[in-house]
């Protein structure tokens, strides 16, 4: 964050799943930068780093929990776990 100008923000996306056939996806591989900063390997997540003066804030955006979807695709990360 030392290289980022004051009053600036950085968005780092985990990436999305790539469709293989019908309802099948290729194995998901997150963005290397997203994985480095968060340690998370889930699709469709966003990390926002904002710098204002000497203060840096980090905000992680994750998909909302959907109980029905979790039955089919497996568990998702919950806010407490993130």
PDB file of N, CA and C in Angstrom:
ATOM      1  N   UNK A   1       0.826  -1.202   0.000  1.00  0.00           N
ATOM      2  CA  UNK A   1       0.000   0.000   0.000  1.00  0.00           C
ATOM      3  C   UNK A   1       0.864   1.258   0.000  1.00  0.00           C
ATOM      4  N   UNK A   2       2.159   1.100   0.266  1.00  0.00           N
ATOM      5  CA  UNK A   2       3.049   2.259   0.224  1.00  0.00           C
ATOM      6  C   UNK A   2       3.130   2.857  -1.180  1.00  0.00           C
ATOM      7  N   UNK A   3       2.928   2.058  -2.203  1.00  0.00           N
ATOM      8  CA  UNK A   3       3.018   2.526  -3.586  1.00  0.00           C
ATOM      9  C   UNK A   3       1.730   3.174  -4.086  1.00  0.00           C
ATOM     10  N   UNK A   4       0.652   3.050  -3.318  1.00  0.00           N
ATOM     11  CA  UNK A   4      -0.646   3.584  -3.732  1.00  0.00           C
ATOM     12  C   UNK A   4      -0.783   5.024  -3.241  1.00  0.00           C
ATOM     13  N   UNK A   5      -1.254   5.912  -4.115  1.00  0.00           N
ATOM     14  CA  UNK A   5      -1.440   7.318  -3.744  1.00  0.00           C
ATOM     15  C   UNK A   5      -2.541   7.449  -2.697  1.00  0.00           C
ATOM     16  N   UNK A   6      -2.473   8.529  -1.900  1.00  0.00           N
ATOM     17  CA  UNK A   6      -3.518   8.808  -0.923  1.00  0.00           C
ATOM     18  C   UNK A   6      -4.862   8.985  -1.628  1.00  0.00           C
ATOM     19  N   UNK A   7      -5.925   8.675  -0.898  1.00  0.00           N
ATOM     20  CA  UNK A   7      -7.288   8.766  -1.411  1.00  0.00           C
ATOM     21  C   UNK A   7      -7.476   7.931  -2.675  1.00  0.00           C
ATOM     22  N   UNK A   8      -6.912   6.720  -2.643  1.00  0.00           N
ATOM     23  CA  UNK A   8      -7.031   5.793  -3.764  1.00  0.00           C
ATOM     24  C   UNK A   8      -7.576   4.459  -3.261  1.00  0.00           C
ATOM     25  N   UNK A   9      -8.019   3.640  -4.205  1.00  0.00           N
ATOM     26  CA  UNK A   9      -8.541   2.320  -3.856  1.00  0.00           C
ATOM     27  C   UNK A   9      -8.028   1.296  -4.860  1.00  0.00           C
ATOM     28  N   UNK A  10      -7.945   0.061  -4.395  1.00  0.00           N
ATOM     29  CA  UNK A  10      -7.534  -1.064  -5.230  1.00  0.00           C
ATOM     30  C   UNK A  10      -8.597  -2.151  -5.104  1.00  0.00           C
ATOM     31  N   UNK A  11      -9.074  -2.650  -6.224  1.00  0.00           N
ATOM     32  CA  UNK A  11     -10.012  -3.771  -6.247  1.00  0.00           C
ATOM     33  C   UNK A  11      -9.275  -5.001  -6.743  1.00  0.00           C
ATOM     34  N   UNK A  12      -9.414  -6.095  -6.007  1.00  0.00           N
ATOM     35  CA  UNK A  12      -8.810  -7.355  -6.431  1.00  0.00           C
ATOM     36  C   UNK A  12      -9.935  -8.388  -6.493  1.00  0.00           C
ATOM     37  N   UNK A  13     -10.128  -8.952  -7.665  1.00  0.00           N
ATOM     38  CA  UNK A  13     -11.212  -9.908  -7.890  1.00  0.00           C
ATOM     39  C   UNK A  13     -10.685 -11.331  -7.808  1.00  0.00           C
ATOM     40  N   UNK A  14     -11.489 -12.229  -7.250  1.00  0.00           N
ATOM     41  CA  UNK A  14     -11.079 -13.632  -7.188  1.00  0.00           C
ATOM     42  C   UNK A  14     -11.227 -14.304  -8.547  1.00  0.00           C
ATOM     43  N   UNK A  15     -12.146 -13.825  -9.360  1.00  0.00           N
ATOM     44  CA  UNK A  15     -12.419 -14.423 -10.665  1.00  0.00           C
ATOM     45  C   UNK A  15     -13.710 -15.211 -10.610  1.00  0.00           C
ATOM     46  N   UNK A  16     -14.113 -15.709 -11.746  1.00  0.00           N
ATOM     47  CA  UNK A  16     -15.352 -16.468 -11.825  1.00  0.00           C
ATOM     48  C   UNK A  16     -15.105 -17.864 -12.364  1.00  0.00           C
ATOM     49  N   UNK A  17     -16.098 -18.698 -12.193  1.00  0.00           N
ATOM     50  CA  UNK A  17     -16.004 -20.058 -12.712  1.00  0.00           C
ATOM     51  C   UNK A  17     -16.227 -20.053 -14.226  1.00  0.00           C
ATOM     52  N   UNK A  18     -15.545 -20.974 -14.909  1.00  0.00           N
ATOM     53  CA  UNK A  18     -15.686 -21.098 -16.351  1.00  0.00           C
ATOM     54  C   UNK A  18     -16.533 -22.333 -16.642  1.00  0.00           C
ATOM     55  N   UNK A  19     -17.578 -22.121 -17.421  1.00  0.00           N
ATOM     56  CA  UNK A  19     -18.523 -23.199 -17.747  1.00  0.00           C
ATOM     57  C   UNK A  19     -17.861 -24.190 -18.695  1.00  0.00           C
ATOM     58  N   UNK A  20     -18.028 -25.475 -18.400  1.00  0.00           N
ATOM     59  CA  UNK A  20     -17.495 -26.555 -19.230  1.00  0.00           C
ATOM     60  C   UNK A  20     -18.590 -27.071 -20.159  1.00  0.00           C
ATOM     61  N   UNK A  21     -19.617 -27.639 -19.568  1.00  0.00           N
ATOM     62  CA  UNK A  21     -20.774 -28.151 -20.307  1.00  0.00           C
ATOM     63  C   UNK A  21     -22.016 -27.960 -19.451  1.00  0.00           C
ATOM     64  N   UNK A  22     -23.118 -27.604 -20.047  1.00  0.00           N
ATOM     65  CA  UNK A  22     -24.388 -27.517 -19.335  1.00  0.00           C
ATOM     66  C   UNK A  22     -24.286 -26.964 -17.933  1.00  0.00           C
ATOM     67  N   UNK A  23     -24.293 -27.853 -16.936  1.00  0.00           N
ATOM     68  CA  UNK A  23     -24.228 -27.417 -15.545  1.00  0.00           C
ATOM     69  C   UNK A  23     -22.898 -27.798 -14.892  1.00  0.00           C
ATOM     70  N   UNK A  24     -21.880 -28.030 -15.694  1.00  0.00           N
ATOM     71  CA  UNK A  24     -20.566 -28.430 -15.181  1.00  0.00           C
ATOM     72  C   UNK A  24     -19.547 -27.321 -15.437  1.00  0.00           C
ATOM     73  N   UNK A  25     -18.708 -27.052 -14.430  1.00  0.00           N
ATOM     74  CA  UNK A  25     -17.681 -26.029 -14.544  1.00  0.00           C
ATOM     75  C   UNK A  25     -16.291 -26.662 -14.498  1.00  0.00           C
ATOM     76  N   UNK A  26     -15.316 -25.977 -15.091  1.00  0.00           N
ATOM     77  CA  UNK A  26     -13.931 -26.372 -14.928  1.00  0.00           C
ATOM     78  C   UNK A  26     -13.542 -26.128 -13.470  1.00  0.00           C
ATOM     79  N   UNK A  27     -12.523 -26.812 -12.957  1.00  0.00           N
ATOM     80  CA  UNK A  27     -12.067 -26.529 -11.586  1.00  0.00           C
ATOM     81  C   UNK A  27     -11.681 -25.051 -11.458  1.00  0.00           C
ATOM     82  N   UNK A  28     -12.098 -24.438 -10.364  1.00  0.00           N
ATOM     83  CA  UNK A  28     -11.852 -23.005 -10.167  1.00  0.00           C
ATOM     84  C   UNK A  28     -10.461 -22.751  -9.614  1.00  0.00           C
ATOM     85  N   UNK A  29      -9.789 -21.781 -10.203  1.00  0.00           N
ATOM     86  CA  UNK A  29      -8.500 -21.315  -9.708  1.00  0.00           C
ATOM     87  C   UNK A  29      -8.620 -19.801  -9.503  1.00  0.00           C
ATOM     88  N   UNK A  30      -8.453 -19.311  -8.262  1.00  0.00           N
ATOM     89  CA  UNK A  30      -8.602 -17.872  -8.015  1.00  0.00           C
ATOM     90  C   UNK A  30      -7.421 -17.083  -8.568  1.00  0.00           C
ATOM     91  N   UNK A  31      -7.627 -15.804  -8.696  1.00  0.00           N
ATOM     92  CA  UNK A  31      -6.546 -14.899  -9.060  1.00  0.00           C
ATOM     93  C   UNK A  31      -5.419 -15.055  -8.042  1.00  0.00           C
ATOM     94  N   UNK A  32      -4.188 -15.109  -8.510  1.00  0.00           N
ATOM     95  CA  UNK A  32      -3.046 -15.275  -7.607  1.00  0.00           C
ATOM     96  C   UNK A  32      -2.962 -14.128  -6.606  1.00  0.00           C
ATOM     97  N   UNK A  33      -3.252 -12.903  -7.047  1.00  0.00           N
ATOM     98  CA  UNK A  33      -3.200 -11.757  -6.140  1.00  0.00           C
ATOM     99  C   UNK A  33      -4.279 -11.861  -5.061  1.00  0.00           C
ATOM    100  N   UNK A  34      -5.487 -12.262  -5.462  1.00  0.00           N
ATOM    101  CA  UNK A  34      -6.574 -12.407  -4.494  1.00  0.00           C
ATOM    102  C   UNK A  34      -6.227 -13.481  -3.470  1.00  0.00           C
ATOM    103  N   UNK A  35      -5.718 -14.604  -3.928  1.00  0.00           N
ATOM    104  CA  UNK A  35      -5.337 -15.697  -3.031  1.00  0.00           C
ATOM    105  C   UNK A  35      -4.236 -15.250  -2.074  1.00  0.00           C
ATOM    106  N   UNK A  36      -3.269 -14.488  -2.564  1.00  0.00           N
ATOM    107  CA  UNK A  36      -2.170 -14.004  -1.728  1.00  0.00           C
ATOM    108  C   UNK A  36      -2.683 -13.100  -0.606  1.00  0.00           C
ATOM    109  N   UNK A  37      -3.557 -12.161  -0.954  1.00  0.00           N
ATOM    110  CA  UNK A  37      -4.031 -11.188   0.036  1.00  0.00           C
ATOM    111  C   UNK A  37      -5.068 -11.751   1.000  1.00  0.00           C
ATOM    112  N   UNK A  38      -5.855 -12.739   0.575  1.00  0.00           N
ATOM    113  CA  UNK A  38      -6.948 -13.220   1.414  1.00  0.00           C
ATOM    114  C   UNK A  38      -6.796 -14.659   1.896  1.00  0.00           C
ATOM    115  N   UNK A  39      -6.107 -15.483   1.132  1.00  0.00           N
ATOM    116  CA  UNK A  39      -6.019 -16.906   1.455  1.00  0.00           C
ATOM    117  C   UNK A  39      -7.285 -17.661   1.094  1.00  0.00           C
ATOM    118  N   UNK A  40      -8.216 -17.015   0.396  1.00  0.00           N
ATOM    119  CA  UNK A  40      -9.496 -17.623   0.025  1.00  0.00           C
ATOM    120  C   UNK A  40      -9.465 -18.093  -1.424  1.00  0.00           C
ATOM    121  N   UNK A  41     -10.127 -19.195  -1.694  1.00  0.00           N
ATOM    122  CA  UNK A  41     -10.129 -19.738  -3.052  1.00  0.00           C
ATOM    123  C   UNK A  41     -11.545 -19.959  -3.584  1.00  0.00           C
ATOM    124  N   UNK A  42     -12.433 -19.027  -3.317  1.00  0.00           N
ATOM    125  CA  UNK A  42     -13.827 -19.110  -3.768  1.00  0.00           C
ATOM    126  C   UNK A  42     -14.052 -18.125  -4.914  1.00  0.00           C
ATOM    127  N   UNK A  43     -14.939 -18.469  -5.860  1.00  0.00           N
ATOM    128  CA  UNK A  43     -15.223 -17.553  -6.973  1.00  0.00           C
ATOM    129  C   UNK A  43     -16.134 -16.397  -6.560  1.00  0.00           C
ATOM    130  N   UNK A  44     -16.134 -15.370  -7.374  1.00  0.00           N
ATOM    131  CA  UNK A  44     -17.056 -14.233  -7.259  1.00  0.00           C
ATOM    132  C   UNK A  44     -16.896 -13.455  -5.955  1.00  0.00           C
ATOM    133  N   UNK A  45     -15.682 -13.300  -5.486  1.00  0.00           N
ATOM    134  CA  UNK A  45     -15.416 -12.492  -4.296  1.00  0.00           C
ATOM    135  C   UNK A  45     -14.557 -11.300  -4.698  1.00  0.00           C
ATOM    136  N   UNK A  46     -14.641 -10.241  -3.909  1.00  0.00           N
ATOM    137  CA  UNK A  46     -13.917  -9.004  -4.216  1.00  0.00           C
ATOM    138  C   UNK A  46     -13.268  -8.483  -2.946  1.00  0.00           C
ATOM    139  N   UNK A  47     -12.014  -8.065  -3.059  1.00  0.00           N
ATOM    140  CA  UNK A  47     -11.305  -7.415  -1.961  1.00  0.00           C
ATOM    141  C   UNK A  47     -11.100  -5.959  -2.345  1.00  0.00           C
ATOM    142  N   UNK A  48     -11.541  -5.053  -1.472  1.00  0.00           N
ATOM    143  CA  UNK A  48     -11.361  -3.617  -1.684  1.00  0.00           C
ATOM    144  C   UNK A  48     -10.370  -3.113  -0.651  1.00  0.00           C
ATOM    145  N   UNK A  49      -9.275  -2.534  -1.125  1.00  0.00           N
ATOM    146  CA  UNK A  49      -8.283  -1.891  -0.261  1.00  0.00           C
ATOM    147  C   UNK A  49      -8.354  -0.397  -0.540  1.00  0.00           C
ATOM    148  N   UNK A  50      -8.592   0.397   0.483  1.00  0.00           N
ATOM    149  CA  UNK A  50      -8.712   1.842   0.312  1.00  0.00           C
ATOM    150  C   UNK A  50      -7.700   2.539   1.213  1.00  0.00           C
ATOM    151  N   UNK A  51      -7.070   3.583   0.679  1.00  0.00           N
ATOM    152  CA  UNK A  51      -6.052   4.319   1.429  1.00  0.00           C
ATOM    153  C   UNK A  51      -6.440   5.789   1.502  1.00  0.00           C
ATOM    154  N   UNK A  52      -6.437   6.300   2.727  1.00  0.00           N
ATOM    155  CA  UNK A  52      -6.715   7.710   2.968  1.00  0.00           C
ATOM    156  C   UNK A  52      -5.730   8.186   4.021  1.00  0.00           C
ATOM    157  N   UNK A  53      -4.743   8.947   3.587  1.00  0.00           N
ATOM    158  CA  UNK A  53      -3.686   9.364   4.506  1.00  0.00           C
ATOM    159  C   UNK A  53      -2.891   8.152   4.949  1.00  0.00           C
ATOM    160  N   UNK A  54      -2.744   7.973   6.253  1.00  0.00           N
ATOM    161  CA  UNK A  54      -2.032   6.810   6.786  1.00  0.00           C
ATOM    162  C   UNK A  54      -2.974   5.659   7.118  1.00  0.00           C
ATOM    163  N   UNK A  55      -4.259   5.820   6.840  1.00  0.00           N
ATOM    164  CA  UNK A  55      -5.251   4.799   7.178  1.00  0.00           C
ATOM    165  C   UNK A  55      -5.570   3.935   5.964  1.00  0.00           C
ATOM    166  N   UNK A  56      -5.502   2.633   6.161  1.00  0.00           N
ATOM    167  CA  UNK A  56      -5.848   1.671   5.116  1.00  0.00           C
ATOM    168  C   UNK A  56      -7.021   0.835   5.614  1.00  0.00           C
ATOM    169  N   UNK A  57      -8.055   0.738   4.795  1.00  0.00           N
ATOM    170  CA  UNK A  57      -9.204  -0.101   5.159  1.00  0.00           C
ATOM    171  C   UNK A  57      -9.304  -1.253   4.164  1.00  0.00           C
ATOM    172  N   UNK A  58      -9.715  -2.400   4.666  1.00  0.00           N
ATOM    173  CA  UNK A  58      -9.889  -3.591   3.848  1.00  0.00           C
ATOM    174  C   UNK A  58     -11.342  -4.043   3.970  1.00  0.00           C
ATOM    175  N   UNK A  59     -11.987  -4.274   2.835  1.00  0.00           N
ATOM    176  CA  UNK A  59     -13.362  -4.752   2.823  1.00  0.00           C
ATOM    177  C   UNK A  59     -13.440  -5.945   1.886  1.00  0.00           C
ATOM    178  N   UNK A  60     -14.020  -7.041   2.378  1.00  0.00           N
ATOM    179  CA  UNK A  60     -14.166  -8.244   1.580  1.00  0.00           C
ATOM    180  C   UNK A  60     -15.640  -8.436   1.245  1.00  0.00           C
ATOM    181  N   UNK A  61     -15.942  -8.542  -0.033  1.00  0.00           N
ATOM    182  CA  UNK A  61     -17.310  -8.778  -0.498  1.00  0.00           C
ATOM    183  C   UNK A  61     -17.424 -10.242  -0.902  1.00  0.00           C
ATOM    184  N   UNK A  62     -18.362 -10.958  -0.280  1.00  0.00           N
ATOM    185  CA  UNK A  62     -18.581 -12.365  -0.588  1.00  0.00           C
ATOM    186  C   UNK A  62     -20.034 -12.558  -1.001  1.00  0.00           C
ATOM    187  N   UNK A  63     -20.306 -13.687  -1.648  1.00  0.00           N
ATOM    188  CA  UNK A  63     -21.676 -13.967  -2.060  1.00  0.00           C
ATOM    189  C   UNK A  63     -22.544 -14.218  -0.830  1.00  0.00           C
ATOM    190  N   UNK A  64     -23.784 -13.774  -0.857  1.00  0.00           N
ATOM    191  CA  UNK A  64     -24.679 -14.047   0.274  1.00  0.00           C
ATOM    192  C   UNK A  64     -24.960 -15.545   0.366  1.00  0.00           C
ATOM    193  N   UNK A  65     -25.199 -16.012   1.581  1.00  0.00           N
ATOM    194  CA  UNK A  65     -25.469 -17.433   1.790  1.00  0.00           C
ATOM    195  C   UNK A  65     -26.824 -17.795   1.220  1.00  0.00           C
ATOM    196  N   UNK A  66     -26.858 -18.845   0.435  1.00  0.00           N
ATOM    197  CA  UNK A  66     -28.091 -19.357  -0.155  1.00  0.00           C
ATOM    198  C   UNK A  66     -28.179 -20.836   0.206  1.00  0.00           C
ATOM    199  N   UNK A  67     -29.067 -21.166   1.125  1.00  0.00           N
ATOM    200  CA  UNK A  67     -29.172 -22.537   1.630  1.00  0.00           C
ATOM    201  C   UNK A  67     -29.465 -23.533   0.516  1.00  0.00           C
ATOM    202  N   UNK A  68     -30.334 -23.165  -0.410  1.00  0.00           N
ATOM    203  CA  UNK A  68     -30.681 -24.063  -1.513  1.00  0.00           C
ATOM    204  C   UNK A  68     -29.476 -24.321  -2.416  1.00  0.00           C
ATOM    205  N   UNK A  69     -28.735 -23.276  -2.739  1.00  0.00           N
ATOM    206  CA  UNK A  69     -27.550 -23.426  -3.581  1.00  0.00           C
ATOM    207  C   UNK A  69     -26.490 -24.275  -2.881  1.00  0.00           C
ATOM    208  N   UNK A  70     -26.331 -24.099  -1.581  1.00  0.00           N
ATOM    209  CA  UNK A  70     -25.330 -24.846  -0.821  1.00  0.00           C
ATOM    210  C   UNK A  70     -25.601 -26.344  -0.862  1.00  0.00           C
ATOM    211  N   UNK A  71     -26.862 -26.737  -0.975  1.00  0.00           N
ATOM    212  CA  UNK A  71     -27.201 -28.162  -1.078  1.00  0.00           C
ATOM    213  C   UNK A  71     -26.628 -28.780  -2.342  1.00  0.00           C
ATOM    214  N   UNK A  72     -26.548 -27.983  -3.413  1.00  0.00           N
ATOM    215  CA  UNK A  72     -26.135 -28.506  -4.708  1.00  0.00           C
ATOM    216  C   UNK A  72     -24.657 -28.316  -4.996  1.00  0.00           C
ATOM    217  N   UNK A  73     -24.095 -27.201  -4.594  1.00  0.00           N
ATOM    218  CA  UNK A  73     -22.696 -26.918  -4.952  1.00  0.00           C
ATOM    219  C   UNK A  73     -21.744 -27.038  -3.774  1.00  0.00           C
ATOM    220  N   UNK A  74     -22.266 -27.311  -2.593  1.00  0.00           N
ATOM    221  CA  UNK A  74     -21.413 -27.458  -1.421  1.00  0.00           C
ATOM    222  C   UNK A  74     -21.388 -26.196  -0.587  1.00  0.00           C
ATOM    223  N   UNK A  75     -20.701 -26.267   0.553  1.00  0.00           N
ATOM    224  CA  UNK A  75     -20.690 -25.132   1.477  1.00  0.00           C
ATOM    225  C   UNK A  75     -19.974 -23.916   0.872  1.00  0.00           C
ATOM    226  N   UNK A  76     -20.428 -22.774   1.299  1.00  0.00           N
ATOM    227  CA  UNK A  76     -19.793 -21.510   0.900  1.00  0.00           C
ATOM    228  C   UNK A  76     -19.197 -20.877   2.144  1.00  0.00           C
ATOM    229  N   UNK A  77     -18.381 -19.886   1.940  1.00  0.00           N
ATOM    230  CA  UNK A  77     -17.765 -19.199   3.084  1.00  0.00           C
ATOM    231  C   UNK A  77     -18.776 -18.232   3.690  1.00  0.00           C
ATOM    232  N   UNK A  78     -18.852 -18.237   4.991  1.00  0.00           N
ATOM    233  CA  UNK A  78     -19.753 -17.351   5.731  1.00  0.00           C
ATOM    234  C   UNK A  78     -18.977 -16.126   6.208  1.00  0.00           C
ATOM    235  N   UNK A  79     -19.664 -15.013   6.480  1.00  0.00           N
ATOM    236  CA  UNK A  79     -18.958 -13.799   6.921  1.00  0.00           C
ATOM    237  C   UNK A  79     -18.018 -14.011   8.110  1.00  0.00           C
ATOM    238  N   UNK A  80     -18.441 -14.814   9.095  1.00  0.00           N
ATOM    239  CA  UNK A  80     -17.586 -15.066  10.261  1.00  0.00           C
ATOM    240  C   UNK A  80     -16.304 -15.811   9.874  1.00  0.00           C
ATOM    241  N   UNK A  81     -16.412 -16.689   8.898  1.00  0.00           N
ATOM    242  CA  UNK A  81     -15.252 -17.460   8.452  1.00  0.00           C
ATOM    243  C   UNK A  81     -14.301 -16.617   7.607  1.00  0.00           C
ATOM    244  N   UNK A  82     -14.857 -15.667   6.867  1.00  0.00           N
ATOM    245  CA  UNK A  82     -14.031 -14.817   6.011  1.00  0.00           C
ATOM    246  C   UNK A  82     -13.161 -13.922   6.858  1.00  0.00           C
TER     247      UNK A  82
END
